[in-house]
Amino acid sequence: MENVDVAEYNKALRENPEICRPFVSEIGDMRSGEELLSDCNRDCLFNECFESWTKSEEVASACPLR
């Protein structure tokens, strides 16, 4: 993984989409570099909420994988 600017990311997304966030692109997230920067605060909030949700005792005890 490496940091790239928006133009470089967009070029890679056009030419080699499989190297740009491969997991989320498989589920349909093909946002441009501009969109990712614009949405980064919202994405971080979602990740924090999801992380705390999965760590709750209620959820953990209901999870069959534990």
N, C-alpha and C. Protein backbone atom coordinates (compact mmCIF):
# COMPACT_ATOMS: atom_id res chain seq x y z
N MET A 1 0.85 -1.16 0.00
CA MET A 1 0.00 0.00 0.00
C MET A 1 0.90 1.23 0.00
N GLU A 2 0.49 2.24 -0.75
CA GLU A 2 1.24 3.49 -0.77
C GLU A 2 0.30 4.67 -0.94
N ASN A 3 0.73 5.82 -0.47
CA ASN A 3 -0.04 7.05 -0.65
C ASN A 3 0.15 7.57 -2.06
N VAL A 4 -0.94 7.96 -2.68
CA VAL A 4 -0.89 8.56 -4.02
C VAL A 4 -1.81 9.77 -4.03
N ASP A 5 -1.59 10.66 -5.00
CA ASP A 5 -2.50 11.80 -5.10
C ASP A 5 -3.75 11.39 -5.87
N VAL A 6 -4.72 12.27 -5.90
CA VAL A 6 -6.03 11.98 -6.50
C VAL A 6 -5.88 11.59 -7.97
N ALA A 7 -5.10 12.34 -8.73
CA ALA A 7 -4.96 12.06 -10.16
C ALA A 7 -4.34 10.68 -10.39
N GLU A 8 -3.34 10.35 -9.60
CA GLU A 8 -2.68 9.04 -9.74
C GLU A 8 -3.64 7.91 -9.37
N TYR A 9 -4.42 8.12 -8.32
CA TYR A 9 -5.41 7.11 -7.93
C TYR A 9 -6.45 6.91 -9.02
N ASN A 10 -6.97 8.01 -9.56
CA ASN A 10 -7.99 7.92 -10.60
C ASN A 10 -7.45 7.22 -11.85
N LYS A 11 -6.20 7.49 -12.18
CA LYS A 11 -5.57 6.82 -13.33
C LYS A 11 -5.47 5.32 -13.08
N ALA A 12 -5.03 4.95 -11.89
CA ALA A 12 -4.93 3.53 -11.55
C ALA A 12 -6.31 2.88 -11.55
N LEU A 13 -7.32 3.59 -11.06
CA LEU A 13 -8.69 3.07 -11.03
C LEU A 13 -9.20 2.80 -12.44
N ARG A 14 -8.85 3.67 -13.38
CA ARG A 14 -9.25 3.48 -14.78
C ARG A 14 -8.48 2.34 -15.43
N GLU A 15 -7.16 2.30 -15.22
CA GLU A 15 -6.30 1.36 -15.94
C GLU A 15 -6.14 0.00 -15.27
N ASN A 16 -6.12 -0.03 -13.95
CA ASN A 16 -5.93 -1.29 -13.19
C ASN A 16 -6.83 -1.29 -11.96
N PRO A 17 -8.14 -1.34 -12.13
CA PRO A 17 -9.05 -1.22 -10.99
C PRO A 17 -8.83 -2.30 -9.92
N GLU A 18 -8.28 -3.42 -10.30
CA GLU A 18 -8.08 -4.51 -9.34
C GLU A 18 -7.04 -4.18 -8.26
N ILE A 19 -6.21 -3.15 -8.48
CA ILE A 19 -5.22 -2.78 -7.47
C ILE A 19 -5.71 -1.69 -6.52
N CYS A 20 -6.87 -1.14 -6.80
CA CYS A 20 -7.43 -0.05 -5.99
C CYS A 20 -8.54 -0.56 -5.09
N ARG A 21 -8.21 -0.79 -3.82
CA ARG A 21 -9.21 -1.20 -2.84
C ARG A 21 -9.98 -2.43 -3.34
N PRO A 22 -9.30 -3.55 -3.57
CA PRO A 22 -9.94 -4.70 -4.21
C PRO A 22 -11.16 -5.26 -3.48
N PHE A 23 -11.14 -5.29 -2.16
CA PHE A 23 -12.29 -5.86 -1.46
C PHE A 23 -13.55 -5.03 -1.68
N VAL A 24 -13.44 -3.73 -1.45
CA VAL A 24 -14.64 -2.90 -1.57
C VAL A 24 -15.09 -2.73 -3.02
N SER A 25 -14.16 -2.82 -3.96
CA SER A 25 -14.58 -2.75 -5.36
C SER A 25 -15.40 -3.98 -5.73
N GLU A 26 -15.12 -5.12 -5.09
CA GLU A 26 -15.91 -6.34 -5.34
C GLU A 26 -17.35 -6.19 -4.89
N ILE A 27 -17.58 -5.33 -3.92
CA ILE A 27 -18.96 -5.12 -3.46
C ILE A 27 -19.57 -3.85 -4.06
N GLY A 28 -18.90 -3.30 -5.08
CA GLY A 28 -19.47 -2.20 -5.84
C GLY A 28 -19.02 -0.80 -5.51
N ASP A 29 -18.05 -0.65 -4.62
CA ASP A 29 -17.57 0.69 -4.25
C ASP A 29 -16.44 1.09 -5.20
N MET A 30 -16.79 1.88 -6.20
CA MET A 30 -15.81 2.31 -7.20
C MET A 30 -15.66 3.83 -7.17
N ARG A 31 -15.62 4.41 -5.95
CA ARG A 31 -15.52 5.86 -5.83
C ARG A 31 -14.18 6.36 -6.36
N SER A 32 -14.23 7.56 -6.92
CA SER A 32 -13.02 8.22 -7.41
C SER A 32 -12.20 8.75 -6.23
N GLY A 33 -11.01 9.21 -6.51
CA GLY A 33 -10.17 9.80 -5.49
C GLY A 33 -10.83 10.98 -4.80
N GLU A 34 -11.49 11.82 -5.59
CA GLU A 34 -12.18 12.98 -5.02
C GLU A 34 -13.29 12.55 -4.07
N GLU A 35 -14.05 11.53 -4.49
CA GLU A 35 -15.15 11.04 -3.66
C GLU A 35 -14.63 10.43 -2.36
N LEU A 36 -13.53 9.69 -2.45
CA LEU A 36 -12.96 9.09 -1.24
C LEU A 36 -12.52 10.15 -0.25
N LEU A 37 -11.86 11.19 -0.75
CA LEU A 37 -11.44 12.28 0.14
C LEU A 37 -12.64 12.98 0.75
N SER A 38 -13.66 13.20 -0.05
CA SER A 38 -14.86 13.87 0.42
C SER A 38 -15.59 13.04 1.49
N ASP A 39 -15.56 11.73 1.33
CA ASP A 39 -16.30 10.84 2.22
C ASP A 39 -15.48 10.29 3.39
N CYS A 40 -14.21 10.67 3.50
CA CYS A 40 -13.34 10.00 4.47
C CYS A 40 -13.80 10.18 5.91
N ASN A 41 -14.30 11.33 6.29
CA ASN A 41 -14.77 11.52 7.67
C ASN A 41 -15.97 10.63 7.96
N ARG A 42 -16.89 10.56 7.03
CA ARG A 42 -18.07 9.69 7.20
C ARG A 42 -17.65 8.23 7.27
N ASP A 43 -16.71 7.82 6.41
CA ASP A 43 -16.24 6.44 6.42
C ASP A 43 -15.57 6.10 7.75
N CYS A 44 -14.79 7.02 8.29
CA CYS A 44 -14.13 6.78 9.59
C CYS A 44 -15.16 6.64 10.70
N LEU A 45 -16.19 7.47 10.68
CA LEU A 45 -17.24 7.36 11.69
C LEU A 45 -17.95 6.02 11.59
N PHE A 46 -18.22 5.57 10.37
CA PHE A 46 -18.86 4.26 10.18
C PHE A 46 -17.96 3.16 10.73
N ASN A 47 -16.67 3.21 10.41
CA ASN A 47 -15.74 2.19 10.88
C ASN A 47 -15.67 2.16 12.40
N GLU A 48 -15.66 3.33 13.03
CA GLU A 48 -15.63 3.39 14.50
C GLU A 48 -16.91 2.81 15.09
N CYS A 49 -18.05 3.14 14.50
CA CYS A 49 -19.32 2.61 14.99
C CYS A 49 -19.37 1.09 14.81
N PHE A 50 -18.95 0.61 13.66
CA PHE A 50 -18.97 -0.83 13.39
C PHE A 50 -18.03 -1.55 14.35
N GLU A 51 -16.86 -0.98 14.58
CA GLU A 51 -15.90 -1.60 15.48
C GLU A 51 -16.45 -1.69 16.90
N SER A 52 -17.06 -0.62 17.39
CA SER A 52 -17.60 -0.65 18.75
C SER A 52 -18.81 -1.58 18.82
N TRP A 53 -19.59 -1.65 17.76
CA TRP A 53 -20.74 -2.54 17.72
C TRP A 53 -20.29 -4.00 17.82
N THR A 54 -19.25 -4.37 17.09
CA THR A 54 -18.80 -5.75 17.09
C THR A 54 -18.10 -6.13 18.39
N LYS A 55 -17.71 -5.13 19.20
CA LYS A 55 -17.05 -5.40 20.47
C LYS A 55 -18.03 -5.44 21.64
N SER A 56 -19.29 -5.13 21.38
CA SER A 56 -20.25 -5.14 22.49
C SER A 56 -20.47 -6.57 22.97
N GLU A 57 -20.68 -6.75 24.26
CA GLU A 57 -20.87 -8.07 24.85
C GLU A 57 -22.10 -8.76 24.29
N GLU A 58 -23.16 -7.98 24.07
CA GLU A 58 -24.41 -8.56 23.56
C GLU A 58 -24.19 -9.18 22.18
N VAL A 59 -23.51 -8.43 21.30
CA VAL A 59 -23.24 -8.93 19.95
C VAL A 59 -22.26 -10.09 20.01
N ALA A 60 -21.22 -9.96 20.82
CA ALA A 60 -20.21 -11.00 20.92
C ALA A 60 -20.79 -12.32 21.41
N SER A 61 -21.70 -12.27 22.37
CA SER A 61 -22.27 -13.50 22.89
C SER A 61 -23.23 -14.15 21.89
N ALA A 62 -23.80 -13.37 21.00
CA ALA A 62 -24.71 -13.90 19.99
C ALA A 62 -23.99 -14.43 18.77
N CYS A 63 -22.73 -14.13 18.65
CA CYS A 63 -21.97 -14.51 17.47
C CYS A 63 -21.59 -15.99 17.53
N PRO A 64 -21.99 -16.79 16.55
CA PRO A 64 -21.68 -18.21 16.58
C PRO A 64 -20.20 -18.51 16.31
N LEU A 65 -19.45 -17.53 15.88
CA LEU A 65 -18.03 -17.75 15.56
C LEU A 65 -17.14 -17.67 16.77
N ARG A 66 -17.66 -17.27 17.91
CA ARG A 66 -16.85 -17.15 19.13
C ARG A 66 -16.82 -18.41 19.91
